[in-house]
Every structure is written in structure tokens, then in C-alpha cells.
Amino acid sequence: MAGSSVSSGRPPLFASEKPARVAAYAYRLFTGTLLAGLLLIWLYRATHLPPRSSCARWWAWLGLSAAELWFGFYWVLTLSVRWSPVYRRTFPDRLARRYRTWSACLPCG
């Protein structure tokens, strides 16, 4: 694991932490309501088609439906990353101590 040097005896450069359970459940409830709303919008779009006679309304409906489908697809793809978040807490002081020799080579400011 990057940053973890327990086997070498040095302190790790970061720590991984999970959020509190209450926050995870609240986010999952929020996500569930968003999914329900998105499905209801798709159901409405599928059941309320505009008449073919009005060309402008048909193209507007098609454009909005395509945008909503793309939003839903993108949302589902990015949901996998946000479903079980992990926070990384870094320790810059440990990094500075580990690579002390490099700090002399770096320009100031």
C-alpha cells in the first residue's frame, strides 16, 4: 500500500478513514430518493409523448429526454465512487521528515 511503511518501521504518510455510519446511511437514503425521482421523470417522459404534428415540441421533448438519459447514465457511473467513500488524512510533517534531504535542494518560496 502506498504511503504505508509499517513493515520498514517508518510511520505512514497517510491514514485511511471511513465516514460515520449515520452519514453513510443518510447519503444512501438521499441517493435512493434521487434514483426514485430520476425513474419517475423517465416514466413521465415515456408515457407523455408529444403529438407528432408539432415538430418543435417533438424535438424539444427528444432533446430533453436525451439529456435526462445522459444525466442518469453519468450519475449511475459516478455513484460507484461515492457509494462507499474513503477519506485520506495526510501527514505532511512525516513526509518532510522522511525526505529531509530533498528540502535543501528545493528553491524557497
PDB file of N, CA and C in Angstrom:
ATOM      1  N   MET A   1       0.850  -1.180   0.000  1.00  0.00           N
ATOM      2  CA  MET A   1       0.000   0.000   0.000  1.00  0.00           C
ATOM      3  C   MET A   1       0.889   1.234   0.000  1.00  0.00           C
ATOM      4  N   ALA A   2       0.601   2.159  -0.896  1.00  0.00           N
ATOM      5  CA  ALA A   2       1.403   3.375  -0.994  1.00  0.00           C
ATOM      6  C   ALA A   2       1.259   4.209   0.264  1.00  0.00           C
ATOM      7  N   GLY A   3       2.367   4.702   0.755  1.00  0.00           N
ATOM      8  CA  GLY A   3       2.326   5.539   1.941  1.00  0.00           C
ATOM      9  C   GLY A   3       2.396   4.764   3.226  1.00  0.00           C
ATOM     10  N   SER A   4       2.143   3.477   3.151  1.00  0.00           N
ATOM     11  CA  SER A   4       2.202   2.653   4.349  1.00  0.00           C
ATOM     12  C   SER A   4       3.564   1.994   4.413  1.00  0.00           C
ATOM     13  N   SER A   5       4.313   2.305   5.428  1.00  0.00           N
ATOM     14  CA  SER A   5       5.647   1.734   5.558  1.00  0.00           C
ATOM     15  C   SER A   5       5.804   1.103   6.933  1.00  0.00           C
ATOM     16  N   VAL A   6       4.765   0.428   7.382  1.00  0.00           N
ATOM     17  CA  VAL A   6       4.790  -0.201   8.686  1.00  0.00           C
ATOM     18  C   VAL A   6       5.858  -1.285   8.717  1.00  0.00           C
ATOM     19  N   SER A   7       6.018  -2.007   7.589  1.00  0.00           N
ATOM     20  CA  SER A   7       6.993  -3.088   7.559  1.00  0.00           C
ATOM     21  C   SER A   7       8.421  -2.569   7.663  1.00  0.00           C
ATOM     22  N   SER A   8       8.669  -1.346   7.210  1.00  0.00           N
ATOM     23  CA  SER A   8      10.015  -0.790   7.280  1.00  0.00           C
ATOM     24  C   SER A   8      10.259  -0.045   8.591  1.00  0.00           C
ATOM     25  N   GLY A   9       9.270   0.061   9.441  1.00  0.00           N
ATOM     26  CA  GLY A   9       9.442   0.706  10.735  1.00  0.00           C
ATOM     27  C   GLY A   9       9.210   2.203  10.728  1.00  0.00           C
ATOM     28  N   ARG A  10       8.917   2.783   9.569  1.00  0.00           N
ATOM     29  CA  ARG A  10       8.661   4.223   9.498  1.00  0.00           C
ATOM     30  C   ARG A  10       7.169   4.487   9.659  1.00  0.00           C
ATOM     31  N   PRO A  11       6.794   5.645  10.199  1.00  0.00           N
ATOM     32  CA  PRO A  11       5.359   5.956  10.327  1.00  0.00           C
ATOM     33  C   PRO A  11       4.732   6.176   8.946  1.00  0.00           C
ATOM     34  N   PRO A  12       3.462   5.852   8.776  1.00  0.00           N
ATOM     35  CA  PRO A  12       2.805   6.008   7.466  1.00  0.00           C
ATOM     36  C   PRO A  12       2.637   7.489   7.100  1.00  0.00           C
ATOM     37  N   LEU A  13       2.549   7.747   5.788  1.00  0.00           N
ATOM     38  CA  LEU A  13       2.384   9.118   5.298  1.00  0.00           C
ATOM     39  C   LEU A  13       0.922   9.549   5.270  1.00  0.00           C
ATOM     40  N   PHE A  14      -0.009   8.594   5.328  1.00  0.00           N
ATOM     41  CA  PHE A  14      -1.429   8.924   5.349  1.00  0.00           C
ATOM     42  C   PHE A  14      -2.180   7.842   6.105  1.00  0.00           C
ATOM     43  N   ALA A  15      -3.405   8.175   6.495  1.00  0.00           N
ATOM     44  CA  ALA A  15      -4.299   7.220   7.154  1.00  0.00           C
ATOM     45  C   ALA A  15      -5.632   7.237   6.422  1.00  0.00           C
ATOM     46  N   SER A  16      -6.184   6.070   6.186  1.00  0.00           N
ATOM     47  CA  SER A  16      -7.488   5.957   5.517  1.00  0.00           C
ATOM     48  C   SER A  16      -8.580   5.853   6.570  1.00  0.00           C
ATOM     49  N   GLU A  17      -9.629   6.641   6.390  1.00  0.00           N
ATOM     50  CA  GLU A  17     -10.737   6.653   7.352  1.00  0.00           C
ATOM     51  C   GLU A  17     -12.057   6.579   6.606  1.00  0.00           C
ATOM     52  N   LYS A  18     -13.006   5.865   7.174  1.00  0.00           N
ATOM     53  CA  LYS A  18     -14.356   5.812   6.624  1.00  0.00           C
ATOM     54  C   LYS A  18     -15.234   6.797   7.392  1.00  0.00           C
ATOM     55  N   PRO A  19     -16.240   7.365   6.738  1.00  0.00           N
ATOM     56  CA  PRO A  19     -17.130   8.283   7.454  1.00  0.00           C
ATOM     57  C   PRO A  19     -17.996   7.529   8.459  1.00  0.00           C
ATOM     58  N   ALA A  20     -18.660   8.276   9.315  1.00  0.00           N
ATOM     59  CA  ALA A  20     -19.536   7.673  10.321  1.00  0.00           C
ATOM     60  C   ALA A  20     -20.682   6.920   9.642  1.00  0.00           C
ATOM     61  N   ARG A  21     -21.188   5.890  10.307  1.00  0.00           N
ATOM     62  CA  ARG A  21     -22.273   5.087   9.735  1.00  0.00           C
ATOM     63  C   ARG A  21     -23.529   5.912   9.472  1.00  0.00           C
ATOM     64  N   VAL A  22     -23.816   6.825  10.349  1.00  0.00           N
ATOM     65  CA  VAL A  22     -25.017   7.649  10.185  1.00  0.00           C
ATOM     66  C   VAL A  22     -24.914   8.468   8.900  1.00  0.00           C
ATOM     67  N   ALA A  23     -23.739   9.009   8.631  1.00  0.00           N
ATOM     68  CA  ALA A  23     -23.546   9.797   7.412  1.00  0.00           C
ATOM     69  C   ALA A  23     -23.681   8.912   6.176  1.00  0.00           C
ATOM     70  N   ALA A  24     -23.167   7.698   6.241  1.00  0.00           N
ATOM     71  CA  ALA A  24     -23.262   6.781   5.096  1.00  0.00           C
ATOM     72  C   ALA A  24     -24.720   6.409   4.839  1.00  0.00           C
ATOM     73  N   TYR A  25     -25.476   6.122   5.896  1.00  0.00           N
ATOM     74  CA  TYR A  25     -26.892   5.776   5.718  1.00  0.00           C
ATOM     75  C   TYR A  25     -27.699   6.966   5.221  1.00  0.00           C
ATOM     76  N   ALA A  26     -27.381   8.157   5.703  1.00  0.00           N
ATOM     77  CA  ALA A  26     -28.085   9.355   5.240  1.00  0.00           C
ATOM     78  C   ALA A  26     -27.808   9.587   3.755  1.00  0.00           C
ATOM     79  N   TYR A  27     -26.567   9.376   3.335  1.00  0.00           N
ATOM     80  CA  TYR A  27     -26.235   9.547   1.918  1.00  0.00           C
ATOM     81  C   TYR A  27     -26.942   8.500   1.068  1.00  0.00           C
ATOM     82  N   ARG A  28     -27.033   7.281   1.558  1.00  0.00           N
ATOM     83  CA  ARG A  28     -27.719   6.234   0.794  1.00  0.00           C
ATOM     84  C   ARG A  28     -29.216   6.515   0.695  1.00  0.00           C
ATOM     85  N   LEU A  29     -29.803   7.073   1.736  1.00  0.00           N
ATOM     86  CA  LEU A  29     -31.210   7.463   1.678  1.00  0.00           C
ATOM     87  C   LEU A  29     -31.406   8.584   0.656  1.00  0.00           C
ATOM     88  N   PHE A  30     -30.527   9.568   0.672  1.00  0.00           N
ATOM     89  CA  PHE A  30     -30.565  10.661  -0.293  1.00  0.00           C
ATOM     90  C   PHE A  30     -30.414  10.118  -1.715  1.00  0.00           C
ATOM     91  N   THR A  31     -29.497   9.196  -1.917  1.00  0.00           N
ATOM     92  CA  THR A  31     -29.275   8.596  -3.228  1.00  0.00           C
ATOM     93  C   THR A  31     -30.504   7.824  -3.689  1.00  0.00           C
ATOM     94  N   GLY A  32     -31.148   7.127  -2.773  1.00  0.00           N
ATOM     95  CA  GLY A  32     -32.357   6.386  -3.121  1.00  0.00           C
ATOM     96  C   GLY A  32     -33.484   7.300  -3.571  1.00  0.00           C
ATOM     97  N   THR A  33     -33.627   8.440  -2.911  1.00  0.00           N
ATOM     98  CA  THR A  33     -34.677   9.375  -3.328  1.00  0.00           C
ATOM     99  C   THR A  33     -34.349  10.004  -4.682  1.00  0.00           C
ATOM    100  N   LEU A  34     -33.072  10.270  -4.929  1.00  0.00           N
ATOM    101  CA  LEU A  34     -32.688  10.778  -6.250  1.00  0.00           C
ATOM    102  C   LEU A  34     -32.976   9.748  -7.343  1.00  0.00           C
ATOM    103  N   LEU A  35     -32.678   8.494  -7.078  1.00  0.00           N
ATOM    104  CA  LEU A  35     -32.943   7.442  -8.051  1.00  0.00           C
ATOM    105  C   LEU A  35     -34.440   7.318  -8.314  1.00  0.00           C
ATOM    106  N   ALA A  36     -35.243   7.380  -7.270  1.00  0.00           N
ATOM    107  CA  ALA A  36     -36.695   7.309  -7.444  1.00  0.00           C
ATOM    108  C   ALA A  36     -37.189   8.489  -8.285  1.00  0.00           C
ATOM    109  N   GLY A  37     -36.684   9.682  -8.017  1.00  0.00           N
ATOM    110  CA  GLY A  37     -37.078  10.854  -8.807  1.00  0.00           C
ATOM    111  C   GLY A  37     -36.662  10.723 -10.259  1.00  0.00           C
ATOM    112  N   LEU A  38     -35.475  10.220 -10.497  1.00  0.00           N
ATOM    113  CA  LEU A  38     -34.993  10.038 -11.863  1.00  0.00           C
ATOM    114  C   LEU A  38     -35.839   9.014 -12.614  1.00  0.00           C
ATOM    115  N   LEU A  39     -36.189   7.928 -11.953  1.00  0.00           N
ATOM    116  CA  LEU A  39     -37.040   6.918 -12.585  1.00  0.00           C
ATOM    117  C   LEU A  39     -38.436   7.464 -12.878  1.00  0.00           C
ATOM    118  N   LEU A  40     -38.960   8.278 -11.961  1.00  0.00           N
ATOM    119  CA  LEU A  40     -40.269   8.881 -12.198  1.00  0.00           C
ATOM    120  C   LEU A  40     -40.238   9.861 -13.373  1.00  0.00           C
ATOM    121  N   ILE A  41     -39.153  10.604 -13.521  1.00  0.00           N
ATOM    122  CA  ILE A  41     -39.021  11.505 -14.677  1.00  0.00           C
ATOM    123  C   ILE A  41     -38.978  10.701 -15.961  1.00  0.00           C
ATOM    124  N   TRP A  42     -38.226   9.601 -15.967  1.00  0.00           N
ATOM    125  CA  TRP A  42     -38.150   8.753 -17.168  1.00  0.00           C
ATOM    126  C   TRP A  42     -39.511   8.139 -17.488  1.00  0.00           C
ATOM    127  N   LEU A  43     -40.239   7.728 -16.454  1.00  0.00           N
ATOM    128  CA  LEU A  43     -41.574   7.169 -16.669  1.00  0.00           C
ATOM    129  C   LEU A  43     -42.504   8.227 -17.263  1.00  0.00           C
ATOM    130  N   TYR A  44     -42.447   9.440 -16.748  1.00  0.00           N
ATOM    131  CA  TYR A  44     -43.266  10.522 -17.271  1.00  0.00           C
ATOM    132  C   TYR A  44     -42.926  10.804 -18.738  1.00  0.00           C
ATOM    133  N   ARG A  45     -41.640  10.848 -19.047  1.00  0.00           N
ATOM    134  CA  ARG A  45     -41.222  11.104 -20.429  1.00  0.00           C
ATOM    135  C   ARG A  45     -41.714  10.003 -21.369  1.00  0.00           C
ATOM    136  N   ALA A  46     -41.692   8.764 -20.906  1.00  0.00           N
ATOM    137  CA  ALA A  46     -42.101   7.644 -21.763  1.00  0.00           C
ATOM    138  C   ALA A  46     -43.612   7.589 -21.958  1.00  0.00           C
ATOM    139  N   THR A  47     -44.383   8.051 -20.978  1.00  0.00           N
ATOM    140  CA  THR A  47     -45.839   7.950 -21.077  1.00  0.00           C
ATOM    141  C   THR A  47     -46.506   9.206 -21.634  1.00  0.00           C
ATOM    142  N   HIS A  48     -45.808  10.320 -21.664  1.00  0.00           N
ATOM    143  CA  HIS A  48     -46.387  11.570 -22.162  1.00  0.00           C
ATOM    144  C   HIS A  48     -45.624  12.059 -23.394  1.00  0.00           C
ATOM    145  N   LEU A  49     -45.820  11.374 -24.490  1.00  0.00           N
ATOM    146  CA  LEU A  49     -45.178  11.760 -25.740  1.00  0.00           C
ATOM    147  C   LEU A  49     -45.939  12.923 -26.370  1.00  0.00           C
ATOM    148  N   PRO A  50     -45.235  13.895 -26.939  1.00  0.00           N
ATOM    149  CA  PRO A  50     -45.926  14.994 -27.612  1.00  0.00           C
ATOM    150  C   PRO A  50     -46.483  14.506 -28.952  1.00  0.00           C
ATOM    151  N   PRO A  51     -47.495  15.194 -29.479  1.00  0.00           N
ATOM    152  CA  PRO A  51     -48.035  14.794 -30.785  1.00  0.00           C
ATOM    153  C   PRO A  51     -47.003  15.013 -31.885  1.00  0.00           C
ATOM    154  N   ARG A  52     -47.013  14.128 -32.877  1.00  0.00           N
ATOM    155  CA  ARG A  52     -46.044  14.215 -33.979  1.00  0.00           C
ATOM    156  C   ARG A  52     -46.296  15.437 -34.862  1.00  0.00           C
ATOM    157  N   SER A  53     -47.477  15.986 -34.793  1.00  0.00           N
ATOM    158  CA  SER A  53     -47.813  17.116 -35.667  1.00  0.00           C
ATOM    159  C   SER A  53     -47.008  18.370 -35.311  1.00  0.00           C
ATOM    160  N   SER A  54     -46.714  18.561 -34.017  1.00  0.00           N
ATOM    161  CA  SER A  54     -45.945  19.745 -33.621  1.00  0.00           C
ATOM    162  C   SER A  54     -44.454  19.375 -33.595  1.00  0.00           C
ATOM    163  N   CYS A  55     -43.777  19.712 -34.660  1.00  0.00           N
ATOM    164  CA  CYS A  55     -42.385  19.317 -34.864  1.00  0.00           C
ATOM    165  C   CYS A  55     -41.461  19.916 -33.796  1.00  0.00           C
ATOM    166  N   ALA A  56     -41.667  21.185 -33.454  1.00  0.00           N
ATOM    167  CA  ALA A  56     -40.797  21.850 -32.483  1.00  0.00           C
ATOM    168  C   ALA A  56     -40.920  21.203 -31.106  1.00  0.00           C
ATOM    169  N   ARG A  57     -42.154  20.887 -30.703  1.00  0.00           N
ATOM    170  CA  ARG A  57     -42.345  20.241 -29.399  1.00  0.00           C
ATOM    171  C   ARG A  57     -41.714  18.848 -29.380  1.00  0.00           C
ATOM    172  N   TRP A  58     -41.796  18.150 -30.506  1.00  0.00           N
ATOM    173  CA  TRP A  58     -41.226  16.800 -30.582  1.00  0.00           C
ATOM    174  C   TRP A  58     -39.703  16.850 -30.419  1.00  0.00           C
ATOM    175  N   TRP A  59     -39.045  17.799 -31.101  1.00  0.00           N
ATOM    176  CA  TRP A  59     -37.597  17.909 -30.982  1.00  0.00           C
ATOM    177  C   TRP A  59     -37.177  18.372 -29.584  1.00  0.00           C
ATOM    178  N   ALA A  60     -37.970  19.258 -28.988  1.00  0.00           N
ATOM    179  CA  ALA A  60     -37.668  19.695 -27.625  1.00  0.00           C
ATOM    180  C   ALA A  60     -37.804  18.521 -26.656  1.00  0.00           C
ATOM    181  N   TRP A  61     -38.854  17.711 -26.822  1.00  0.00           N
ATOM    182  CA  TRP A  61     -39.047  16.540 -25.970  1.00  0.00           C
ATOM    183  C   TRP A  61     -37.890  15.557 -26.162  1.00  0.00           C
ATOM    184  N   LEU A  62     -37.483  15.338 -27.387  1.00  0.00           N
ATOM    185  CA  LEU A  62     -36.393  14.416 -27.677  1.00  0.00           C
ATOM    186  C   LEU A  62     -35.081  14.909 -27.075  1.00  0.00           C
ATOM    187  N   GLY A  63     -34.817  16.202 -27.188  1.00  0.00           N
ATOM    188  CA  GLY A  63     -33.587  16.768 -26.605  1.00  0.00           C
ATOM    189  C   GLY A  63     -33.566  16.673 -25.093  1.00  0.00           C
ATOM    190  N   LEU A  64     -34.694  17.007 -24.469  1.00  0.00           N
ATOM    191  CA  LEU A  64     -34.765  16.913 -23.005  1.00  0.00           C
ATOM    192  C   LEU A  64     -34.653  15.463 -22.535  1.00  0.00           C
ATOM    193  N   SER A  65     -35.286  14.557 -23.251  1.00  0.00           N
ATOM    194  CA  SER A  65     -35.205  13.143 -22.874  1.00  0.00           C
ATOM    195  C   SER A  65     -33.781  12.621 -23.007  1.00  0.00           C
ATOM    196  N   ALA A  66     -33.099  13.016 -24.075  1.00  0.00           N
ATOM    197  CA  ALA A  66     -31.711  12.583 -24.258  1.00  0.00           C
ATOM    198  C   ALA A  66     -30.823  13.138 -23.146  1.00  0.00           C
ATOM    199  N   ALA A  67     -31.041  14.390 -22.770  1.00  0.00           N
ATOM    200  CA  ALA A  67     -30.249  14.993 -21.695  1.00  0.00           C
ATOM    201  C   ALA A  67     -30.513  14.286 -20.363  1.00  0.00           C
ATOM    202  N   GLU A  68     -31.765  13.949 -20.079  1.00  0.00           N
ATOM    203  CA  GLU A  68     -32.090  13.258 -18.834  1.00  0.00           C
ATOM    204  C   GLU A  68     -31.531  11.842 -18.819  1.00  0.00           C
ATOM    205  N   LEU A  69     -31.549  11.167 -19.957  1.00  0.00           N
ATOM    206  CA  LEU A  69     -30.945   9.832 -20.030  1.00  0.00           C
ATOM    207  C   LEU A  69     -29.438   9.912 -19.809  1.00  0.00           C
ATOM    208  N   TRP A  70     -28.790  10.912 -20.417  1.00  0.00           N
ATOM    209  CA  TRP A  70     -27.354  11.060 -20.232  1.00  0.00           C
ATOM    210  C   TRP A  70     -27.026  11.393 -18.783  1.00  0.00           C
ATOM    211  N   PHE A  71     -27.802  12.267 -18.154  1.00  0.00           N
ATOM    212  CA  PHE A  71     -27.592  12.587 -16.743  1.00  0.00           C
ATOM    213  C   PHE A  71     -27.723  11.338 -15.886  1.00  0.00           C
ATOM    214  N   GLY A  72     -28.739  10.538 -16.138  1.00  0.00           N
ATOM    215  CA  GLY A  72     -28.933   9.315 -15.365  1.00  0.00           C
ATOM    216  C   GLY A  72     -27.795   8.332 -15.550  1.00  0.00           C
ATOM    217  N   PHE A  73     -27.322   8.167 -16.771  1.00  0.00           N
ATOM    218  CA  PHE A  73     -26.207   7.262 -17.041  1.00  0.00           C
ATOM    219  C   PHE A  73     -24.945   7.738 -16.334  1.00  0.00           C
ATOM    220  N   TYR A  74     -24.656   9.032 -16.441  1.00  0.00           N
ATOM    221  CA  TYR A  74     -23.482   9.600 -15.781  1.00  0.00           C
ATOM    222  C   TYR A  74     -23.595   9.477 -14.265  1.00  0.00           C
ATOM    223  N   TRP A  75     -24.766   9.719 -13.732  1.00  0.00           N
ATOM    224  CA  TRP A  75     -24.983   9.649 -12.290  1.00  0.00           C
ATOM    225  C   TRP A  75     -24.747   8.231 -11.772  1.00  0.00           C
ATOM    226  N   VAL A  76     -25.243   7.228 -12.505  1.00  0.00           N
ATOM    227  CA  VAL A  76     -25.042   5.841 -12.087  1.00  0.00           C
ATOM    228  C   VAL A  76     -23.559   5.478 -12.159  1.00  0.00           C
ATOM    229  N   LEU A  77     -22.857   5.947 -13.179  1.00  0.00           N
ATOM    230  CA  LEU A  77     -21.422   5.658 -13.282  1.00  0.00           C
ATOM    231  C   LEU A  77     -20.629   6.269 -12.129  1.00  0.00           C
ATOM    232  N   THR A  78     -20.932   7.498 -11.774  1.00  0.00           N
ATOM    233  CA  THR A  78     -20.183   8.154 -10.699  1.00  0.00           C
ATOM    234  C   THR A  78     -20.661   7.733  -9.312  1.00  0.00           C
ATOM    235  N   LEU A  79     -21.814   7.101  -9.238  1.00  0.00           N
ATOM    236  CA  LEU A  79     -22.331   6.664  -7.940  1.00  0.00           C
ATOM    237  C   LEU A  79     -21.439   5.612  -7.308  1.00  0.00           C
ATOM    238  N   SER A  80     -20.813   4.774  -8.116  1.00  0.00           N
ATOM    239  CA  SER A  80     -19.977   3.713  -7.571  1.00  0.00           C
ATOM    240  C   SER A  80     -18.807   4.277  -6.768  1.00  0.00           C
ATOM    241  N   VAL A  81     -18.335   5.451  -7.139  1.00  0.00           N
ATOM    242  CA  VAL A  81     -17.230   6.059  -6.414  1.00  0.00           C
ATOM    243  C   VAL A  81     -17.711   6.666  -5.097  1.00  0.00           C
ATOM    244  N   ARG A  82     -18.908   7.211  -5.106  1.00  0.00           N
ATOM    245  CA  ARG A  82     -19.411   7.911  -3.919  1.00  0.00           C
ATOM    246  C   ARG A  82     -20.187   7.017  -2.965  1.00  0.00           C
ATOM    247  N   TRP A  83     -20.472   5.778  -3.358  1.00  0.00           N
ATOM    248  CA  TRP A  83     -21.326   4.915  -2.532  1.00  0.00           C
ATOM    249  C   TRP A  83     -20.652   4.552  -1.216  1.00  0.00           C
ATOM    250  N   SER A  84     -19.369   4.247  -1.250  1.00  0.00           N
ATOM    251  CA  SER A  84     -18.648   3.950  -0.009  1.00  0.00           C
ATOM    252  C   SER A  84     -17.362   4.782   0.012  1.00  0.00           C
ATOM    253  N   PRO A  85     -17.472   6.027   0.442  1.00  0.00           N
ATOM    254  CA  PRO A  85     -16.318   6.926   0.399  1.00  0.00           C
ATOM    255  C   PRO A  85     -15.251   6.563   1.431  1.00  0.00           C
ATOM    256  N   VAL A  86     -14.029   6.903   1.106  1.00  0.00           N
ATOM    257  CA  VAL A  86     -12.882   6.739   1.999  1.00  0.00           C
ATOM    258  C   VAL A  86     -12.148   8.068   2.006  1.00  0.00           C
ATOM    259  N   TYR A  87     -11.854   8.559   3.195  1.00  0.00           N
ATOM    260  CA  TYR A  87     -11.130   9.814   3.326  1.00  0.00           C
ATOM    261  C   TYR A  87      -9.684   9.510   3.694  1.00  0.00           C
ATOM    262  N   ARG A  88      -8.775  10.205   3.071  1.00  0.00           N
ATOM    263  CA  ARG A  88      -7.361  10.016   3.361  1.00  0.00           C
ATOM    264  C   ARG A  88      -6.843  11.260   4.086  1.00  0.00           C
ATOM    265  N   ARG A  89      -6.315  11.027   5.285  1.00  0.00           N
ATOM    266  CA  ARG A  89      -5.734  12.109   6.079  1.00  0.00           C
ATOM    267  C   ARG A  89      -4.216  12.018   5.916  1.00  0.00           C
ATOM    268  N   THR A  90      -3.620  13.065   5.379  1.00  0.00           N
ATOM    269  CA  THR A  90      -2.179  13.057   5.132  1.00  0.00           C
ATOM    270  C   THR A  90      -1.426  13.659   6.304  1.00  0.00           C
ATOM    271  N   PHE A  91      -0.165  13.293   6.392  1.00  0.00           N
ATOM    272  CA  PHE A  91       0.719  13.812   7.435  1.00  0.00           C
ATOM    273  C   PHE A  91       1.912  14.482   6.764  1.00  0.00           C
ATOM    274  N   PRO A  92       1.801  15.782   6.425  1.00  0.00           N
ATOM    275  CA  PRO A  92       2.898  16.466   5.731  1.00  0.00           C
ATOM    276  C   PRO A  92       4.180  16.521   6.556  1.00  0.00           C
ATOM    277  N   ASP A  93       4.053  16.586   7.864  1.00  0.00           N
ATOM    278  CA  ASP A  93       5.259  16.639   8.693  1.00  0.00           C
ATOM    279  C   ASP A  93       6.068  15.350   8.572  1.00  0.00           C
ATOM    280  N   ARG A  94       5.394  14.217   8.459  1.00  0.00           N
ATOM    281  CA  ARG A  94       6.112  12.949   8.287  1.00  0.00           C
ATOM    282  C   ARG A  94       6.777  12.888   6.919  1.00  0.00           C
ATOM    283  N   LEU A  95       6.113  13.437   5.922  1.00  0.00           N
ATOM    284  CA  LEU A  95       6.701  13.479   4.588  1.00  0.00           C
ATOM    285  C   LEU A  95       7.957  14.352   4.602  1.00  0.00           C
ATOM    286  N   ALA A  96       7.879  15.490   5.278  1.00  0.00           N
ATOM    287  CA  ALA A  96       9.032  16.386   5.356  1.00  0.00           C
ATOM    288  C   ALA A  96      10.186  15.707   6.087  1.00  0.00           C
ATOM    289  N   ARG A  97       9.877  14.967   7.164  1.00  0.00           N
ATOM    290  CA  ARG A  97      10.935  14.270   7.894  1.00  0.00           C
ATOM    291  C   ARG A  97      11.551  13.148   7.057  1.00  0.00           C
ATOM    292  N   ARG A  98      10.724  12.463   6.294  1.00  0.00           N
ATOM    293  CA  ARG A  98      11.225  11.334   5.512  1.00  0.00           C
ATOM    294  C   ARG A  98      12.138  11.795   4.381  1.00  0.00           C
ATOM    295  N   TYR A  99      11.786  12.897   3.753  1.00  0.00           N
ATOM    296  CA  TYR A  99      12.561  13.390   2.627  1.00  0.00           C
ATOM    297  C   TYR A  99      13.246  14.709   2.964  1.00  0.00           C
ATOM    298  N   ARG A 100      13.859  14.745   4.097  1.00  0.00           N
ATOM    299  CA  ARG A 100      14.529  15.943   4.599  1.00  0.00           C
ATOM    300  C   ARG A 100      15.639  16.383   3.649  1.00  0.00           C
ATOM    301  N   THR A 101      16.337  15.438   3.050  1.00  0.00           N
ATOM    302  CA  THR A 101      17.467  15.781   2.185  1.00  0.00           C
ATOM    303  C   THR A 101      17.004  16.520   0.936  1.00  0.00           C
ATOM    304  N   TRP A 102      15.806  16.274   0.483  1.00  0.00           N
ATOM    305  CA  TRP A 102      15.304  16.946  -0.715  1.00  0.00           C
ATOM    306  C   TRP A 102      14.980  18.408  -0.439  1.00  0.00           C
ATOM    307  N   SER A 103      14.601  18.711   0.776  1.00  0.00           N
ATOM    308  CA  SER A 103      14.192  20.090   1.076  1.00  0.00           C
ATOM    309  C   SER A 103      15.344  21.074   0.890  1.00  0.00           C
ATOM    310  N   ALA A 104      16.562  20.624   1.032  1.00  0.00           N
ATOM    311  CA  ALA A 104      17.713  21.516   0.836  1.00  0.00           C
ATOM    312  C   ALA A 104      17.878  21.854  -0.643  1.00  0.00           C
ATOM    313  N   CYS A 105      17.417  20.974  -1.534  1.00  0.00           N
ATOM    314  CA  CYS A 105      17.568  21.196  -2.974  1.00  0.00           C
ATOM    315  C   CYS A 105      16.454  22.057  -3.567  1.00  0.00           C
ATOM    316  N   LEU A 106      15.333  22.163  -2.872  1.00  0.00           N
ATOM    317  CA  LEU A 106      14.186  22.888  -3.401  1.00  0.00           C
ATOM    318  C   LEU A 106      14.353  24.391  -3.215  1.00  0.00           C
ATOM    319  N   PRO A 107      13.931  25.184  -4.216  1.00  0.00           N
ATOM    320  CA  PRO A 107      14.006  26.647  -4.053  1.00  0.00           C
ATOM    321  C   PRO A 107      12.931  27.118  -3.072  1.00  0.00           C
ATOM    322  N   CYS A 108      13.220  28.136  -2.349  1.00  0.00           N
ATOM    323  CA  CYS A 108      12.267  28.688  -1.370  1.00  0.00           C
ATOM    324  C   CYS A 108      11.292  29.614  -2.079  1.00  0.00           C
ATOM    325  N   GLY A 109      10.013  29.542  -1.595  1.00  0.00           N
ATOM    326  CA  GLY A 109       9.008  30.481  -1.963  1.00  0.00           C
ATOM    327  C   GLY A 109       8.532  30.424  -3.324  1.00  0.00           C
TER     328      GLY A 109
END
